[in-house]
Amino acid sequence: MARFTTGTGGSITVGTGSTEILKPDGGRQYALIVNDSDTKMYMNMGGSAVVGEGIPLLPNGGAVEITGENLFVGQVNAICSVAGKNITFFYA
């Protein structure tokens, strides 16, 4: 069984810059990314995140699960239009 690691992206960047949530990891087997904030976020796999584009993470628990069916081992980034919003992730 894989060992899970929990992390937090802390403050997600506002506007034009994006925050790296997960570093590239060729050994990644699973990831769950959860928007714990009250504001919509946007996630991008492999490049910078842009507000209004990419994968939306809805407020108050919106999540994306990366599994064997859609496994992505590259860099994952997120962005939010309001500063200081929290995002939580679990990965193995």
PDB file of N, CA and C in Angstrom:
ATOM      1  N   MET A   1       0.837  -1.176   0.000  1.00  0.00           N
ATOM      2  CA  MET A   1       0.000   0.000   0.000  1.00  0.00           C
ATOM      3  C   MET A   1       0.883   1.241   0.000  1.00  0.00           C
ATOM      4  N   ALA A   2       0.510   2.215  -0.791  1.00  0.00           N
ATOM      5  CA  ALA A   2       1.280   3.454  -0.893  1.00  0.00           C
ATOM      6  C   ALA A   2       1.121   4.288   0.379  1.00  0.00           C
ATOM      7  N   ARG A   3       2.169   4.983   0.743  1.00  0.00           N
ATOM      8  CA  ARG A   3       2.124   5.875   1.892  1.00  0.00           C
ATOM      9  C   ARG A   3       1.712   7.262   1.408  1.00  0.00           C
ATOM     10  N   PHE A   4       0.689   7.850   2.044  1.00  0.00           N
ATOM     11  CA  PHE A   4       0.196   9.158   1.636  1.00  0.00           C
ATOM     12  C   PHE A   4       0.933  10.270   2.345  1.00  0.00           C
ATOM     13  N   THR A   5       1.144  11.342   1.626  1.00  0.00           N
ATOM     14  CA  THR A   5       1.723  12.562   2.170  1.00  0.00           C
ATOM     15  C   THR A   5       0.670  13.646   2.043  1.00  0.00           C
ATOM     16  N   THR A   6       0.541  14.461   3.064  1.00  0.00           N
ATOM     17  CA  THR A   6      -0.405  15.579   3.039  1.00  0.00           C
ATOM     18  C   THR A   6       0.373  16.864   3.010  1.00  0.00           C
ATOM     19  N   GLY A   7      -0.086  17.802   2.248  1.00  0.00           N
ATOM     20  CA  GLY A   7       0.580  19.097   2.200  1.00  0.00           C
ATOM     21  C   GLY A   7      -0.430  20.194   2.028  1.00  0.00           C
ATOM     22  N   THR A   8       0.020  21.396   2.147  1.00  0.00           N
ATOM     23  CA  THR A   8      -0.846  22.532   1.892  1.00  0.00           C
ATOM     24  C   THR A   8      -0.126  23.520   0.992  1.00  0.00           C
ATOM     25  N   GLY A   9      -0.852  24.050   0.033  1.00  0.00           N
ATOM     26  CA  GLY A   9      -0.296  25.051  -0.862  1.00  0.00           C
ATOM     27  C   GLY A   9      -0.211  26.413  -0.197  1.00  0.00           C
ATOM     28  N   GLY A  10      -0.802  26.522   1.007  1.00  0.00           N
ATOM     29  CA  GLY A  10      -0.769  27.786   1.722  1.00  0.00           C
ATOM     30  C   GLY A  10      -1.493  28.867   0.947  1.00  0.00           C
ATOM     31  N   SER A  11      -0.886  30.003   0.838  1.00  0.00           N
ATOM     32  CA  SER A  11      -1.503  31.125   0.128  1.00  0.00           C
ATOM     33  C   SER A  11      -1.335  30.949  -1.374  1.00  0.00           C
ATOM     34  N   ILE A  12      -2.453  30.871  -2.057  1.00  0.00           N
ATOM     35  CA  ILE A  12      -2.431  30.771  -3.508  1.00  0.00           C
ATOM     36  C   ILE A  12      -2.274  32.178  -4.081  1.00  0.00           C
ATOM     37  N   THR A  13      -1.455  32.308  -5.095  1.00  0.00           N
ATOM     38  CA  THR A  13      -1.125  33.592  -5.699  1.00  0.00           C
ATOM     39  C   THR A  13      -2.330  34.250  -6.368  1.00  0.00           C
ATOM     40  N   VAL A  14      -2.345  35.563  -6.341  1.00  0.00           N
ATOM     41  CA  VAL A  14      -3.408  36.350  -6.968  1.00  0.00           C
ATOM     42  C   VAL A  14      -3.034  36.716  -8.397  1.00  0.00           C
ATOM     43  N   GLY A  15      -4.039  36.801  -9.263  1.00  0.00           N
ATOM     44  CA  GLY A  15      -3.877  37.398 -10.584  1.00  0.00           C
ATOM     45  C   GLY A  15      -3.058  36.619 -11.577  1.00  0.00           C
ATOM     46  N   THR A  16      -1.927  37.182 -12.007  1.00  0.00           N
ATOM     47  CA  THR A  16      -1.209  36.625 -13.153  1.00  0.00           C
ATOM     48  C   THR A  16      -0.189  35.554 -12.805  1.00  0.00           C
ATOM     49  N   GLY A  17       0.228  35.424 -11.558  1.00  0.00           N
ATOM     50  CA  GLY A  17       1.187  34.379 -11.194  1.00  0.00           C
ATOM     51  C   GLY A  17       0.467  33.162 -10.671  1.00  0.00           C
ATOM     52  N   SER A  18       1.085  31.996 -10.762  1.00  0.00           N
ATOM     53  CA  SER A  18       0.448  30.798 -10.222  1.00  0.00           C
ATOM     54  C   SER A  18       1.368  30.143  -9.203  1.00  0.00           C
ATOM     55  N   THR A  19       0.783  29.306  -8.364  1.00  0.00           N
ATOM     56  CA  THR A  19       1.505  28.636  -7.291  1.00  0.00           C
ATOM     57  C   THR A  19       1.659  27.158  -7.614  1.00  0.00           C
ATOM     58  N   GLU A  20       2.858  26.639  -7.447  1.00  0.00           N
ATOM     59  CA  GLU A  20       3.091  25.216  -7.655  1.00  0.00           C
ATOM     60  C   GLU A  20       2.474  24.445  -6.492  1.00  0.00           C
ATOM     61  N   ILE A  21       1.600  23.505  -6.808  1.00  0.00           N
ATOM     62  CA  ILE A  21       0.981  22.658  -5.792  1.00  0.00           C
ATOM     63  C   ILE A  21       1.784  21.374  -5.645  1.00  0.00           C
ATOM     64  N   LEU A  22       2.044  20.713  -6.773  1.00  0.00           N
ATOM     65  CA  LEU A  22       2.823  19.471  -6.771  1.00  0.00           C
ATOM     66  C   LEU A  22       4.002  19.617  -7.719  1.00  0.00           C
ATOM     67  N   LYS A  23       5.154  19.226  -7.249  1.00  0.00           N
ATOM     68  CA  LYS A  23       6.353  19.203  -8.092  1.00  0.00           C
ATOM     69  C   LYS A  23       6.282  17.990  -9.023  1.00  0.00           C
ATOM     70  N   PRO A  24       6.990  18.020 -10.139  1.00  0.00           N
ATOM     71  CA  PRO A  24       7.030  16.837 -10.990  1.00  0.00           C
ATOM     72  C   PRO A  24       7.557  15.643 -10.199  1.00  0.00           C
ATOM     73  N   ASP A  25       6.938  14.490 -10.379  1.00  0.00           N
ATOM     74  CA  ASP A  25       7.323  13.285  -9.639  1.00  0.00           C
ATOM     75  C   ASP A  25       6.939  12.058 -10.455  1.00  0.00           C
ATOM     76  N   GLY A  26       7.928  11.466 -11.122  1.00  0.00           N
ATOM     77  CA  GLY A  26       7.691  10.292 -11.952  1.00  0.00           C
ATOM     78  C   GLY A  26       7.173   9.092 -11.194  1.00  0.00           C
ATOM     79  N   GLY A  27       7.328   9.099  -9.870  1.00  0.00           N
ATOM     80  CA  GLY A  27       6.853   7.993  -9.056  1.00  0.00           C
ATOM     81  C   GLY A  27       5.464   8.199  -8.476  1.00  0.00           C
ATOM     82  N   ARG A  28       4.848   9.341  -8.792  1.00  0.00           N
ATOM     83  CA  ARG A  28       3.513   9.625  -8.238  1.00  0.00           C
ATOM     84  C   ARG A  28       2.517   8.567  -8.699  1.00  0.00           C
ATOM     85  N   GLN A  29       1.723   8.077  -7.755  1.00  0.00           N
ATOM     86  CA  GLN A  29       0.711   7.079  -8.060  1.00  0.00           C
ATOM     87  C   GLN A  29      -0.705   7.610  -7.876  1.00  0.00           C
ATOM     88  N   TYR A  30      -0.828   8.702  -7.108  1.00  0.00           N
ATOM     89  CA  TYR A  30      -2.157   9.218  -6.771  1.00  0.00           C
ATOM     90  C   TYR A  30      -2.023  10.638  -6.239  1.00  0.00           C
ATOM     91  N   ALA A  31      -3.034  11.455  -6.463  1.00  0.00           N
ATOM     92  CA  ALA A  31      -3.097  12.780  -5.841  1.00  0.00           C
ATOM     93  C   ALA A  31      -4.552  13.211  -5.732  1.00  0.00           C
ATOM     94  N   LEU A  32      -4.858  13.891  -4.640  1.00  0.00           N
ATOM     95  CA  LEU A  32      -6.168  14.504  -4.425  1.00  0.00           C
ATOM     96  C   LEU A  32      -5.913  15.946  -4.037  1.00  0.00           C
ATOM     97  N   ILE A  33      -6.494  16.880  -4.775  1.00  0.00           N
ATOM     98  CA  ILE A  33      -6.294  18.312  -4.543  1.00  0.00           C
ATOM     99  C   ILE A  33      -7.652  18.910  -4.210  1.00  0.00           C
ATOM    100  N   VAL A  34      -7.733  19.583  -3.039  1.00  0.00           N
ATOM    101  CA  VAL A  34      -9.011  20.095  -2.532  1.00  0.00           C
ATOM    102  C   VAL A  34      -8.924  21.597  -2.278  1.00  0.00           C
ATOM    103  N   ASN A  35      -9.894  22.341  -2.778  1.00  0.00           N
ATOM    104  CA  ASN A  35      -9.994  23.771  -2.535  1.00  0.00           C
ATOM    105  C   ASN A  35     -10.727  23.978  -1.208  1.00  0.00           C
ATOM    106  N   ASP A  36      -9.985  24.346  -0.173  1.00  0.00           N
ATOM    107  CA  ASP A  36     -10.560  24.566   1.160  1.00  0.00           C
ATOM    108  C   ASP A  36     -11.082  25.982   1.344  1.00  0.00           C
ATOM    109  N   SER A  37     -10.971  26.804   0.345  1.00  0.00           N
ATOM    110  CA  SER A  37     -11.315  28.223   0.488  1.00  0.00           C
ATOM    111  C   SER A  37     -12.765  28.501   0.087  1.00  0.00           C
ATOM    112  N   ASP A  38     -13.143  29.751   0.215  1.00  0.00           N
ATOM    113  CA  ASP A  38     -14.478  30.192  -0.176  1.00  0.00           C
ATOM    114  C   ASP A  38     -14.476  30.855  -1.561  1.00  0.00           C
ATOM    115  N   THR A  39     -13.398  30.659  -2.316  1.00  0.00           N
ATOM    116  CA  THR A  39     -13.226  31.307  -3.618  1.00  0.00           C
ATOM    117  C   THR A  39     -12.823  30.273  -4.672  1.00  0.00           C
ATOM    118  N   LYS A  40     -13.373  30.392  -5.864  1.00  0.00           N
ATOM    119  CA  LYS A  40     -13.032  29.480  -6.966  1.00  0.00           C
ATOM    120  C   LYS A  40     -11.556  29.608  -7.323  1.00  0.00           C
ATOM    121  N   MET A  41     -10.912  28.484  -7.582  1.00  0.00           N
ATOM    122  CA  MET A  41      -9.520  28.442  -8.029  1.00  0.00           C
ATOM    123  C   MET A  41      -9.477  27.740  -9.380  1.00  0.00           C
ATOM    124  N   TYR A  42      -8.339  27.879 -10.040  1.00  0.00           N
ATOM    125  CA  TYR A  42      -8.127  27.202 -11.310  1.00  0.00           C
ATOM    126  C   TYR A  42      -6.798  26.469 -11.252  1.00  0.00           C
ATOM    127  N   MET A  43      -6.783  25.262 -11.789  1.00  0.00           N
ATOM    128  CA  MET A  43      -5.605  24.411 -11.743  1.00  0.00           C
ATOM    129  C   MET A  43      -5.164  24.098 -13.173  1.00  0.00           C
ATOM    130  N   ASN A  44      -3.850  23.965 -13.352  1.00  0.00           N
ATOM    131  CA  ASN A  44      -3.308  23.581 -14.650  1.00  0.00           C
ATOM    132  C   ASN A  44      -2.231  22.538 -14.426  1.00  0.00           C
ATOM    133  N   MET A  45      -2.233  21.538 -15.259  1.00  0.00           N
ATOM    134  CA  MET A  45      -1.238  20.479 -15.172  1.00  0.00           C
ATOM    135  C   MET A  45      -0.169  20.725 -16.216  1.00  0.00           C
ATOM    136  N   GLY A  46       1.056  20.942 -15.757  1.00  0.00           N
ATOM    137  CA  GLY A  46       2.177  21.085 -16.662  1.00  0.00           C
ATOM    138  C   GLY A  46       2.590  22.499 -16.990  1.00  0.00           C
ATOM    139  N   GLY A  47       1.798  23.469 -16.641  1.00  0.00           N
ATOM    140  CA  GLY A  47       2.143  24.854 -16.932  1.00  0.00           C
ATOM    141  C   GLY A  47       1.523  25.791 -15.925  1.00  0.00           C
ATOM    142  N   SER A  48       1.748  27.069 -16.122  1.00  0.00           N
ATOM    143  CA  SER A  48       1.206  28.069 -15.211  1.00  0.00           C
ATOM    144  C   SER A  48      -0.315  28.067 -15.259  1.00  0.00           C
ATOM    145  N   ALA A  49      -0.939  28.267 -14.104  1.00  0.00           N
ATOM    146  CA  ALA A  49      -2.393  28.371 -14.027  1.00  0.00           C
ATOM    147  C   ALA A  49      -2.796  29.813 -14.333  1.00  0.00           C
ATOM    148  N   VAL A  50      -3.965  29.972 -14.953  1.00  0.00           N
ATOM    149  CA  VAL A  50      -4.491  31.281 -15.321  1.00  0.00           C
ATOM    150  C   VAL A  50      -5.929  31.373 -14.821  1.00  0.00           C
ATOM    151  N   VAL A  51      -6.283  32.501 -14.184  1.00  0.00           N
ATOM    152  CA  VAL A  51      -7.650  32.693 -13.699  1.00  0.00           C
ATOM    153  C   VAL A  51      -8.625  32.586 -14.870  1.00  0.00           C
ATOM    154  N   GLY A  52      -9.650  31.768 -14.705  1.00  0.00           N
ATOM    155  CA  GLY A  52     -10.670  31.600 -15.735  1.00  0.00           C
ATOM    156  C   GLY A  52     -10.363  30.524 -16.758  1.00  0.00           C
ATOM    157  N   GLU A  53      -9.193  29.883 -16.657  1.00  0.00           N
ATOM    158  CA  GLU A  53      -8.804  28.845 -17.620  1.00  0.00           C
ATOM    159  C   GLU A  53      -8.361  27.589 -16.877  1.00  0.00           C
ATOM    160  N   GLY A  54      -8.361  26.480 -17.554  1.00  0.00           N
ATOM    161  CA  GLY A  54      -7.896  25.236 -16.964  1.00  0.00           C
ATOM    162  C   GLY A  54      -8.996  24.507 -16.205  1.00  0.00           C
ATOM    163  N   ILE A  55      -8.604  23.781 -15.175  1.00  0.00           N
ATOM    164  CA  ILE A  55      -9.526  22.965 -14.397  1.00  0.00           C
ATOM    165  C   ILE A  55     -10.045  23.793 -13.225  1.00  0.00           C
ATOM    166  N   PRO A  56     -11.361  24.062 -13.169  1.00  0.00           N
ATOM    167  CA  PRO A  56     -11.886  24.840 -12.057  1.00  0.00           C
ATOM    168  C   PRO A  56     -11.966  23.995 -10.785  1.00  0.00           C
ATOM    169  N   LEU A  57     -11.579  24.593  -9.675  1.00  0.00           N
ATOM    170  CA  LEU A  57     -11.752  23.977  -8.359  1.00  0.00           C
ATOM    171  C   LEU A  57     -12.771  24.841  -7.623  1.00  0.00           C
ATOM    172  N   LEU A  58     -13.982  24.338  -7.494  1.00  0.00           N
ATOM    173  CA  LEU A  58     -15.044  25.113  -6.871  1.00  0.00           C
ATOM    174  C   LEU A  58     -14.743  25.354  -5.395  1.00  0.00           C
ATOM    175  N   PRO A  59     -15.302  26.415  -4.820  1.00  0.00           N
ATOM    176  CA  PRO A  59     -15.051  26.733  -3.419  1.00  0.00           C
ATOM    177  C   PRO A  59     -15.625  25.667  -2.480  1.00  0.00           C
ATOM    178  N   ASN A  60     -15.132  25.685  -1.242  1.00  0.00           N
ATOM    179  CA  ASN A  60     -15.659  24.846  -0.162  1.00  0.00           C
ATOM    180  C   ASN A  60     -15.657  23.358  -0.480  1.00  0.00           C
ATOM    181  N   GLY A  61     -14.523  22.857  -0.924  1.00  0.00           N
ATOM    182  CA  GLY A  61     -14.375  21.419  -1.123  1.00  0.00           C
ATOM    183  C   GLY A  61     -14.300  20.932  -2.544  1.00  0.00           C
ATOM    184  N   GLY A  62     -14.282  21.818  -3.522  1.00  0.00           N
ATOM    185  CA  GLY A  62     -14.103  21.388  -4.907  1.00  0.00           C
ATOM    186  C   GLY A  62     -12.781  20.647  -5.029  1.00  0.00           C
ATOM    187  N   ALA A  63     -12.774  19.532  -5.740  1.00  0.00           N
ATOM    188  CA  ALA A  63     -11.579  18.687  -5.746  1.00  0.00           C
ATOM    189  C   ALA A  63     -11.322  18.067  -7.111  1.00  0.00           C
ATOM    190  N   VAL A  64     -10.065  17.689  -7.304  1.00  0.00           N
ATOM    191  CA  VAL A  64      -9.640  16.923  -8.469  1.00  0.00           C
ATOM    192  C   VAL A  64      -8.847  15.735  -7.943  1.00  0.00           C
ATOM    193  N   GLU A  65      -9.172  14.559  -8.450  1.00  0.00           N
ATOM    194  CA  GLU A  65      -8.464  13.341  -8.063  1.00  0.00           C
ATOM    195  C   GLU A  65      -7.664  12.864  -9.267  1.00  0.00           C
ATOM    196  N   ILE A  66      -6.376  12.624  -9.072  1.00  0.00           N
ATOM    197  CA  ILE A  66      -5.494  12.149 -10.132  1.00  0.00           C
ATOM    198  C   ILE A  66      -5.150  10.707  -9.790  1.00  0.00           C
ATOM    199  N   THR A  67      -5.657   9.773 -10.601  1.00  0.00           N
ATOM    200  CA  THR A  67      -5.495   8.342 -10.319  1.00  0.00           C
ATOM    201  C   THR A  67      -4.844   7.647 -11.513  1.00  0.00           C
ATOM    202  N   GLY A  68      -4.814   6.346 -11.455  1.00  0.00           N
ATOM    203  CA  GLY A  68      -4.261   5.565 -12.548  1.00  0.00           C
ATOM    204  C   GLY A  68      -4.970   5.801 -13.863  1.00  0.00           C
ATOM    205  N   GLU A  69      -6.246   6.188 -13.810  1.00  0.00           N
ATOM    206  CA  GLU A  69      -7.020   6.446 -15.014  1.00  0.00           C
ATOM    207  C   GLU A  69      -6.587   7.739 -15.709  1.00  0.00           C
ATOM    208  N   ASN A  70      -6.160   8.728 -14.923  1.00  0.00           N
ATOM    209  CA  ASN A  70      -5.761  10.021 -15.492  1.00  0.00           C
ATOM    210  C   ASN A  70      -4.454  10.502 -14.872  1.00  0.00           C
ATOM    211  N   LEU A  71      -3.584   9.558 -14.544  1.00  0.00           N
ATOM    212  CA  LEU A  71      -2.350   9.857 -13.817  1.00  0.00           C
ATOM    213  C   LEU A  71      -1.489  10.872 -14.564  1.00  0.00           C
ATOM    214  N   PHE A  72      -1.135  11.936 -13.868  1.00  0.00           N
ATOM    215  CA  PHE A  72      -0.252  12.964 -14.398  1.00  0.00           C
ATOM    216  C   PHE A  72       0.877  13.130 -13.398  1.00  0.00           C
ATOM    217  N   VAL A  73       2.120  13.013 -13.851  1.00  0.00           N
ATOM    218  CA  VAL A  73       3.264  13.041 -12.931  1.00  0.00           C
ATOM    219  C   VAL A  73       4.071  14.336 -13.037  1.00  0.00           C
ATOM    220  N   GLY A  74       3.609  15.271 -13.856  1.00  0.00           N
ATOM    221  CA  GLY A  74       4.303  16.546 -14.017  1.00  0.00           C
ATOM    222  C   GLY A  74       3.900  17.548 -12.951  1.00  0.00           C
ATOM    223  N   GLN A  75       4.362  18.786 -13.130  1.00  0.00           N
ATOM    224  CA  GLN A  75       4.068  19.874 -12.210  1.00  0.00           C
ATOM    225  C   GLN A  75       2.589  20.250 -12.284  1.00  0.00           C
ATOM    226  N   VAL A  76       1.985  20.534 -11.112  1.00  0.00           N
ATOM    227  CA  VAL A  76       0.592  20.970 -11.027  1.00  0.00           C
ATOM    228  C   VAL A  76       0.576  22.337 -10.350  1.00  0.00           C
ATOM    229  N   ASN A  77      -0.101  23.309 -10.974  1.00  0.00           N
ATOM    230  CA  ASN A  77      -0.159  24.684 -10.472  1.00  0.00           C
ATOM    231  C   ASN A  77      -1.603  25.118 -10.269  1.00  0.00           C
ATOM    232  N   ALA A  78      -1.801  26.093  -9.367  1.00  0.00           N
ATOM    233  CA  ALA A  78      -3.138  26.652  -9.138  1.00  0.00           C
ATOM    234  C   ALA A  78      -3.045  28.161  -8.993  1.00  0.00           C
ATOM    235  N   ILE A  79      -4.195  28.814  -9.205  1.00  0.00           N
ATOM    236  CA  ILE A  79      -4.279  30.264  -9.069  1.00  0.00           C
ATOM    237  C   ILE A  79      -5.673  30.630  -8.568  1.00  0.00           C
ATOM    238  N   CYS A  80      -5.765  31.778  -7.924  1.00  0.00           N
ATOM    239  CA  CYS A  80      -7.018  32.274  -7.381  1.00  0.00           C
ATOM    240  C   CYS A  80      -7.041  33.784  -7.552  1.00  0.00           C
ATOM    241  N   SER A  81      -8.231  34.377  -7.674  1.00  0.00           N
ATOM    242  CA  SER A  81      -8.324  35.819  -7.865  1.00  0.00           C
ATOM    243  C   SER A  81      -8.247  36.592  -6.547  1.00  0.00           C
ATOM    244  N   VAL A  82      -8.188  35.891  -5.417  1.00  0.00           N
ATOM    245  CA  VAL A  82      -8.108  36.515  -4.091  1.00  0.00           C
ATOM    246  C   VAL A  82      -6.899  35.946  -3.359  1.00  0.00           C
ATOM    247  N   ALA A  83      -6.122  36.803  -2.727  1.00  0.00           N
ATOM    248  CA  ALA A  83      -4.903  36.355  -2.029  1.00  0.00           C
ATOM    249  C   ALA A  83      -5.218  35.575  -0.764  1.00  0.00           C
ATOM    250  N   GLY A  84      -4.278  34.721  -0.368  1.00  0.00           N
ATOM    251  CA  GLY A  84      -4.319  34.051   0.915  1.00  0.00           C
ATOM    252  C   GLY A  84      -5.321  32.920   1.027  1.00  0.00           C
ATOM    253  N   LYS A  85      -5.712  32.302  -0.058  1.00  0.00           N
ATOM    254  CA  LYS A  85      -6.667  31.188  -0.006  1.00  0.00           C
ATOM    255  C   LYS A  85      -5.916  29.876   0.113  1.00  0.00           C
ATOM    256  N   ASN A  86      -6.510  28.904   0.788  1.00  0.00           N
ATOM    257  CA  ASN A  86      -5.825  27.649   1.089  1.00  0.00           C
ATOM    258  C   ASN A  86      -6.280  26.521   0.171  1.00  0.00           C
ATOM    259  N   ILE A  87      -5.318  25.663  -0.148  1.00  0.00           N
ATOM    260  CA  ILE A  87      -5.580  24.463  -0.928  1.00  0.00           C
ATOM    261  C   ILE A  87      -4.839  23.321  -0.238  1.00  0.00           C
ATOM    262  N   THR A  88      -5.467  22.161  -0.149  1.00  0.00           N
ATOM    263  CA  THR A  88      -4.876  21.007   0.515  1.00  0.00           C
ATOM    264  C   THR A  88      -4.690  19.898  -0.496  1.00  0.00           C
ATOM    265  N   PHE A  89      -3.640  19.107  -0.337  1.00  0.00           N
ATOM    266  CA  PHE A  89      -3.444  17.995  -1.258  1.00  0.00           C
ATOM    267  C   PHE A  89      -2.900  16.782  -0.521  1.00  0.00           C
ATOM    268  N   PHE A  90      -3.208  15.630  -1.073  1.00  0.00           N
ATOM    269  CA  PHE A  90      -2.725  14.354  -0.596  1.00  0.00           C
ATOM    270  C   PHE A  90      -2.123  13.658  -1.801  1.00  0.00           C
ATOM    271  N   TYR A  91      -0.983  13.004  -1.632  1.00  0.00           N
ATOM    272  CA  TYR A  91      -0.405  12.297  -2.763  1.00  0.00           C
ATOM    273  C   TYR A  91       0.416  11.102  -2.304  1.00  0.00           C
ATOM    274  N   ALA A  92       0.592  10.178  -3.209  1.00  0.00           N
ATOM    275  CA  ALA A  92       1.390   8.979  -2.930  1.00  0.00           C
ATOM    276  C   ALA A  92       2.192   8.642  -4.158  1.00  0.00           C
TER     277      ALA A  92
END
